[in-house]
Amino acid sequence: MRKLLTLVCFCTIFPLLTSYASGQSQGEKNPAPAPTPAPKNQDFFGNALSEMDKAFNTAEPTLEDGYYLGRAVAANILTAYKPYTQNQELTRYVNRICQTLVINSPKPAAFKGYYAIILDTPEYNAFASPGGHIFITRGLVEAAVSEDTLAAVVAHELAHIQLQHGLNMISDMSLSGEAATMAKRAAELSGNPGAQRLMTFRSSVSGIIDTMMKNGYSRTQEYAADREAAAILTASGYDPEALVEILKVLQRVQGSQRGGFNTTHPTPAERITNVEGVARQYKGRVQDTRSYRVPRFKNK
């Protein structure tokens, strides 16, 4: 798994590597030692594929694996959406909410922590990468009617990360089979410069990530994330019924736009039925601290 993820990240910085190589070609080169006979290209890629399959199918993904895969996912999201930069205090506010939820969650540890980023689009949507990156659109932030409802959105995405839904989705898509396709393509280009082989790998990885972000999670995973979010909200001092509240907001506005939330999540009505029962289980367990949260939300 780690070998494959290393390849993913290497591909994402390919332009930097080619630029560096171009610069180096202008300098003085030391005499190279006599090359040793290289294995046949087909044998080389066959062995590499075998090792990737073994790593993916037998090794438990680590926090580091998730982080580097998440970085590739985040890079692709940020090619489609620009980060919202007009109100830095709003971004800090969302991140403070995020850190409160993380600290009180079952898995607060991450390879390089958790970060919330607001995307500059009026769409209503949110994404989470396996690496701890939580993306919320400006439209969805503005649709939140309280700090609790905003926390509910963050908690739901945090739950996706902690339940490893992103990594599980890759497994379900048979990534090792996709790796085979990539390796075969690379082998076919073995007579061309290495840059073309790397570009083929990069294109294939982008295709996988694109599928992940557009198709969304399964209904089972969405419902599981809602249940986990309710538990995280309760542990953090937020009202778990805020999940129901934000879903009702989305239910009212979902007809006003196409795409976004509508294509990556089950309908709010479906989720409300699931969440209402879960929220009732936590009723009365949360200390009422709205007197602190309401002013913070108004001044965000």
Protein backbone atom coordinates (compact mmCIF):
# COMPACT_ATOMS: atom_id res chain seq x y z
CA MET A 1 0.00 0.00 0.00
CA ARG A 2 2.71 2.47 0.98
CA LYS A 3 4.61 1.81 -2.23
CA LEU A 4 1.52 2.59 -4.28
CA LEU A 5 0.76 5.73 -2.28
CA THR A 6 4.33 6.90 -2.67
CA LEU A 7 3.84 6.54 -6.43
CA VAL A 8 0.63 8.56 -6.24
CA CYS A 9 2.37 11.45 -4.48
CA PHE A 10 5.35 11.25 -6.80
CA CYS A 11 3.05 11.62 -9.76
CA THR A 12 1.36 14.68 -8.29
CA ILE A 13 4.67 16.56 -8.18
CA PHE A 14 5.78 15.37 -11.61
CA PRO A 15 6.02 18.91 -13.09
CA LEU A 16 8.53 19.88 -10.39
CA LEU A 17 10.63 16.83 -11.09
CA THR A 18 10.73 17.37 -14.84
CA SER A 19 11.67 21.02 -14.31
CA TYR A 20 14.50 19.98 -12.00
CA ALA A 21 15.73 17.39 -14.48
CA SER A 22 15.77 20.02 -17.24
CA GLY A 23 17.89 22.33 -15.08
CA GLN A 24 20.30 19.56 -14.19
CA SER A 25 20.82 18.68 -17.83
CA GLN A 26 22.53 22.05 -18.36
CA GLY A 27 25.19 21.39 -15.74
CA GLU A 28 28.35 19.33 -15.72
CA LYS A 29 27.86 15.59 -15.40
CA ASN A 30 30.20 13.23 -13.57
CA PRO A 31 31.28 10.17 -15.51
CA ALA A 32 28.73 7.44 -14.92
CA PRO A 33 29.84 3.91 -14.03
CA ALA A 34 29.31 1.20 -16.58
CA PRO A 35 25.63 0.20 -16.44
CA THR A 36 24.66 -3.26 -15.31
CA PRO A 37 22.29 -5.20 -17.54
CA ALA A 38 18.71 -4.11 -16.78
CA PRO A 39 15.90 -6.62 -16.49
CA LYS A 40 13.40 -6.79 -19.30
CA ASN A 41 10.78 -4.12 -19.00
CA GLN A 42 7.90 -6.59 -18.81
CA ASP A 43 9.65 -8.46 -16.00
CA PHE A 44 10.34 -5.23 -14.13
CA PHE A 45 6.74 -4.02 -14.25
CA GLY A 46 5.44 -7.49 -13.50
CA ASN A 47 7.53 -7.65 -10.33
CA ALA A 48 6.50 -4.12 -9.34
CA LEU A 49 2.84 -4.97 -9.83
CA SER A 50 3.22 -8.14 -7.79
CA GLU A 51 4.72 -6.19 -4.89
CA MET A 52 2.00 -3.51 -5.09
CA ASP A 53 -0.72 -6.17 -5.04
CA LYS A 54 0.90 -7.84 -2.03
CA ALA A 55 1.21 -4.56 -0.12
CA PHE A 56 -2.35 -3.50 -0.85
CA ASN A 57 -3.97 -6.84 -0.09
CA THR A 58 -2.06 -7.80 3.05
CA ALA A 59 -0.90 -4.62 4.79
CA GLU A 60 -3.14 -2.55 7.03
CA PRO A 61 -3.06 1.07 5.78
CA THR A 62 -1.18 3.31 8.18
CA LEU A 63 -1.90 6.93 9.16
CA GLU A 64 0.97 7.90 6.88
CA ASP A 65 -0.60 6.01 3.96
CA GLY A 66 -3.86 7.85 4.50
CA TYR A 67 -2.12 11.20 4.68
CA TYR A 68 -0.25 10.86 1.39
CA LEU A 69 -3.28 9.51 -0.42
CA GLY A 70 -5.32 12.34 1.08
CA ARG A 71 -2.82 14.88 -0.19
CA ALA A 72 -3.33 13.63 -3.73
CA VAL A 73 -7.11 13.82 -3.25
CA ALA A 74 -6.85 17.33 -1.83
CA ALA A 75 -4.70 18.48 -4.73
CA ASN A 76 -7.36 17.32 -7.16
CA ILE A 77 -10.16 19.03 -5.24
CA LEU A 78 -8.21 22.28 -5.27
CA THR A 79 -7.90 22.13 -9.05
CA ALA A 80 -11.69 22.20 -9.25
CA TYR A 81 -12.37 24.71 -6.45
CA LYS A 82 -10.45 27.69 -5.14
CA PRO A 83 -10.06 28.09 -1.37
CA TYR A 84 -12.13 30.87 0.15
CA THR A 85 -9.69 33.56 1.29
CA GLN A 86 -11.83 36.67 1.78
CA ASN A 87 -12.57 35.93 5.44
CA GLN A 88 -9.62 34.26 7.16
CA GLU A 89 -11.31 34.53 10.55
CA LEU A 90 -14.17 32.39 9.26
CA THR A 91 -11.67 29.70 8.24
CA ARG A 92 -10.03 29.87 11.67
CA TYR A 93 -13.45 29.63 13.31
CA VAL A 94 -14.34 26.48 11.34
CA ASN A 95 -10.95 25.00 12.23
CA ARG A 96 -11.50 25.68 15.94
CA ILE A 97 -14.77 23.77 15.68
CA CYS A 98 -12.93 21.01 13.82
CA GLN A 99 -10.23 20.71 16.50
CA THR A 100 -12.85 20.59 19.27
CA LEU A 101 -14.52 17.67 17.52
CA VAL A 102 -11.20 15.93 16.83
CA ILE A 103 -10.05 16.13 20.45
CA ASN A 104 -13.29 14.50 21.61
CA SER A 105 -13.41 11.89 18.84
CA PRO A 106 -12.41 8.21 19.15
CA LYS A 107 -9.34 8.69 16.90
CA PRO A 108 -7.80 12.11 17.53
CA ALA A 109 -4.39 11.06 16.18
CA ALA A 110 -3.57 11.72 12.54
CA PHE A 111 -0.27 11.69 10.66
CA LYS A 112 -0.23 15.50 10.30
CA GLY A 113 -3.45 16.50 11.99
CA TYR A 114 -6.86 17.55 10.67
CA TYR A 115 -7.55 20.71 8.71
CA ALA A 116 -10.77 22.37 7.52
CA ILE A 117 -10.75 24.35 4.29
CA ILE A 118 -13.61 26.46 2.93
CA LEU A 119 -14.07 26.22 -0.84
CA ASP A 120 -15.12 29.39 -2.66
CA THR A 121 -18.30 28.20 -4.33
CA PRO A 122 -22.01 28.73 -3.64
CA GLU A 123 -22.64 24.98 -3.97
CA TYR A 124 -23.78 23.02 -0.93
CA ASN A 125 -21.26 20.25 -0.44
CA ALA A 126 -18.49 18.86 1.74
CA PHE A 127 -15.65 16.39 1.15
CA ALA A 128 -13.14 14.56 3.32
CA SER A 129 -9.83 13.09 2.25
CA PRO A 130 -8.24 10.13 4.05
CA GLY A 131 -5.38 12.43 5.07
CA GLY A 132 -7.42 14.59 7.46
CA HIS A 133 -8.43 17.33 5.00
CA ILE A 134 -12.04 18.47 5.43
CA PHE A 135 -13.48 20.67 2.68
CA ILE A 136 -16.71 22.62 3.13
CA THR A 137 -18.15 24.86 0.46
CA ARG A 138 -18.89 28.49 1.24
CA GLY A 139 -22.51 27.85 0.31
CA LEU A 140 -22.85 25.15 2.94
CA VAL A 141 -21.12 27.26 5.61
CA GLU A 142 -23.54 30.08 4.87
CA ALA A 143 -26.49 27.67 5.03
CA ALA A 144 -25.63 26.69 8.62
CA VAL A 145 -28.00 28.42 11.05
CA SER A 146 -25.95 27.87 14.22
CA GLU A 147 -22.55 26.73 15.42
CA ASP A 148 -24.07 23.34 16.19
CA THR A 149 -25.27 22.86 12.61
CA LEU A 150 -21.87 23.90 11.27
CA ALA A 151 -20.24 21.47 13.71
CA ALA A 152 -22.61 18.76 12.45
CA VAL A 153 -21.29 19.18 8.91
CA VAL A 154 -17.67 18.97 10.10
CA ALA A 155 -18.43 15.99 12.37
CA HIS A 156 -20.00 14.07 9.50
CA GLU A 157 -16.90 14.52 7.32
CA LEU A 158 -14.61 13.75 10.25
CA ALA A 159 -16.55 10.51 10.76
CA HIS A 160 -15.87 9.52 7.13
CA ILE A 161 -12.14 9.88 7.78
CA GLN A 162 -12.12 8.02 11.09
CA LEU A 163 -14.26 5.19 9.70
CA GLN A 164 -11.74 4.95 6.82
CA HIS A 165 -14.44 5.21 4.18
CA GLY A 166 -12.03 6.72 1.67
CA LEU A 167 -9.55 3.88 1.99
CA ASN A 168 -12.36 1.32 1.96
CA MET A 169 -13.76 2.83 -1.22
CA ILE A 170 -10.42 2.32 -2.94
CA SER A 171 -10.43 -1.30 -1.83
CA ASP A 172 -13.96 -1.78 -3.14
CA MET A 173 -12.93 -0.34 -6.48
CA SER A 174 -10.20 -3.01 -6.71
CA LEU A 175 -7.34 -0.57 -6.88
CA SER A 176 -4.89 -3.42 -7.43
CA GLY A 177 -6.71 -4.18 -10.68
CA GLU A 178 -6.41 -0.53 -11.67
CA ALA A 179 -2.73 -0.71 -10.77
CA ALA A 180 -2.40 -3.55 -13.25
CA THR A 181 -3.82 -1.35 -15.98
CA MET A 182 -1.40 1.43 -15.07
CA ALA A 183 1.56 -0.91 -15.09
CA LYS A 184 0.61 -2.34 -18.48
CA ARG A 185 0.27 1.13 -19.94
CA ALA A 186 3.63 2.09 -18.52
CA ALA A 187 5.19 -1.05 -19.98
CA GLU A 188 3.76 -0.20 -23.39
CA LEU A 189 5.48 3.18 -23.19
CA SER A 190 8.75 1.72 -21.98
CA GLY A 191 10.51 2.74 -25.19
CA ASN A 192 9.54 6.40 -24.69
CA PRO A 193 11.00 8.91 -22.25
CA GLY A 194 10.15 8.30 -18.59
CA ALA A 195 8.10 11.49 -18.52
CA GLN A 196 5.42 9.90 -20.70
CA ARG A 197 5.20 6.85 -18.45
CA LEU A 198 4.81 9.07 -15.39
CA MET A 199 2.11 11.08 -17.13
CA THR A 200 0.20 7.87 -17.79
CA PHE A 201 0.38 6.93 -14.13
CA ARG A 202 -0.68 10.40 -13.12
CA SER A 203 -3.68 10.34 -15.46
CA SER A 204 -4.85 6.99 -14.11
CA VAL A 205 -4.56 8.16 -10.50
CA SER A 206 -6.54 11.30 -11.32
CA GLY A 207 -9.25 9.12 -12.84
CA ILE A 208 -9.57 7.12 -9.62
CA ILE A 209 -9.79 10.24 -7.48
CA ASP A 210 -12.29 11.83 -9.84
CA THR A 211 -14.53 8.79 -9.51
CA MET A 212 -14.28 8.91 -5.72
CA MET A 213 -15.29 12.56 -5.49
CA LYS A 214 -18.12 12.53 -8.02
CA ASN A 215 -19.82 9.27 -7.07
CA GLY A 216 -19.69 9.84 -3.32
CA TYR A 217 -19.99 7.24 -0.59
CA SER A 218 -22.56 4.48 -0.40
CA ARG A 219 -25.78 4.97 1.56
CA THR A 220 -24.52 2.51 4.17
CA GLN A 221 -21.37 4.57 4.67
CA GLU A 222 -23.32 7.84 4.80
CA TYR A 223 -25.63 6.48 7.48
CA ALA A 224 -22.66 5.14 9.45
CA ALA A 225 -20.97 8.57 9.24
CA ASP A 226 -24.17 10.21 10.55
CA ARG A 227 -24.28 7.83 13.51
CA GLU A 228 -20.62 8.42 14.31
CA ALA A 229 -21.07 12.18 13.89
CA ALA A 230 -23.89 12.16 16.45
CA ALA A 231 -21.59 10.46 18.97
CA ILE A 232 -18.74 12.92 18.27
CA LEU A 233 -21.07 15.92 18.58
CA THR A 234 -22.39 14.68 21.92
CA ALA A 235 -18.88 14.04 23.28
CA SER A 236 -17.87 17.57 22.19
CA GLY A 237 -20.79 19.31 23.87
CA TYR A 238 -22.81 19.94 20.72
CA ASP A 239 -26.45 19.01 20.21
CA PRO A 240 -26.59 15.85 18.01
CA GLU A 241 -30.03 16.94 16.78
CA ALA A 242 -28.14 19.65 14.87
CA LEU A 243 -27.56 16.92 12.26
CA VAL A 244 -31.30 16.78 11.69
CA GLU A 245 -31.47 20.57 11.59
CA ILE A 246 -28.79 20.99 8.91
CA LEU A 247 -30.34 18.18 6.85
CA LYS A 248 -33.69 19.99 6.96
CA VAL A 249 -31.96 23.16 5.77
CA LEU A 250 -30.46 21.19 2.87
CA GLN A 251 -33.85 19.62 2.15
CA ARG A 252 -35.33 23.10 1.72
CA VAL A 253 -32.57 24.40 -0.56
CA GLN A 254 -31.61 21.29 -2.52
CA GLY A 255 -34.05 22.06 -5.34
CA SER A 256 -32.39 25.40 -5.98
CA GLN A 257 -29.21 23.92 -7.45
CA ARG A 258 -28.07 20.96 -9.48
CA GLY A 259 -25.04 18.84 -8.67
CA GLY A 260 -22.97 19.30 -5.52
CA PHE A 261 -24.55 17.75 -2.44
CA ASN A 262 -27.32 16.18 -4.53
CA THR A 263 -24.87 13.97 -6.43
CA THR A 264 -22.53 12.94 -3.59
CA HIS A 265 -24.99 12.23 -0.75
CA PRO A 266 -28.30 10.41 -0.26
CA THR A 267 -31.31 12.73 -0.12
CA PRO A 268 -31.72 14.67 3.13
CA ALA A 269 -35.10 12.98 3.68
CA GLU A 270 -33.44 9.55 3.71
CA ARG A 271 -30.78 10.67 6.15
CA ILE A 272 -33.19 12.53 8.44
CA THR A 273 -35.08 9.32 9.17
CA ASN A 274 -31.80 7.60 10.07
CA VAL A 275 -30.45 10.49 12.17
CA GLU A 276 -33.61 11.21 14.17
CA GLY A 277 -33.50 7.82 15.85
CA VAL A 278 -29.78 8.14 16.61
CA ALA A 279 -30.11 11.66 18.02
CA ARG A 280 -32.83 10.52 20.43
CA GLN A 281 -30.38 8.06 21.99
CA TYR A 282 -28.14 10.96 23.06
CA LYS A 283 -30.91 13.28 24.21
CA GLY A 284 -30.18 14.82 27.62
CA ARG A 285 -26.48 13.87 27.60
CA VAL A 286 -25.22 17.26 26.46
CA GLN A 287 -24.69 20.20 28.80
CA ASP A 288 -26.41 23.29 27.42
CA THR A 289 -23.64 25.76 26.52
CA ARG A 290 -25.52 27.67 23.82
CA SER A 291 -24.96 30.91 25.72
CA TYR A 292 -21.31 30.66 24.64
CA ARG A 293 -21.85 29.30 21.15
CA VAL A 294 -24.55 31.69 19.94
CA PRO A 295 -22.39 34.85 20.28
CA ARG A 296 -19.44 33.09 18.63
CA PHE A 297 -21.57 32.11 15.66
CA LYS A 298 -23.02 35.62 15.27
CA ASN A 299 -19.53 37.13 15.29
CA LYS A 300 -17.94 34.59 12.95
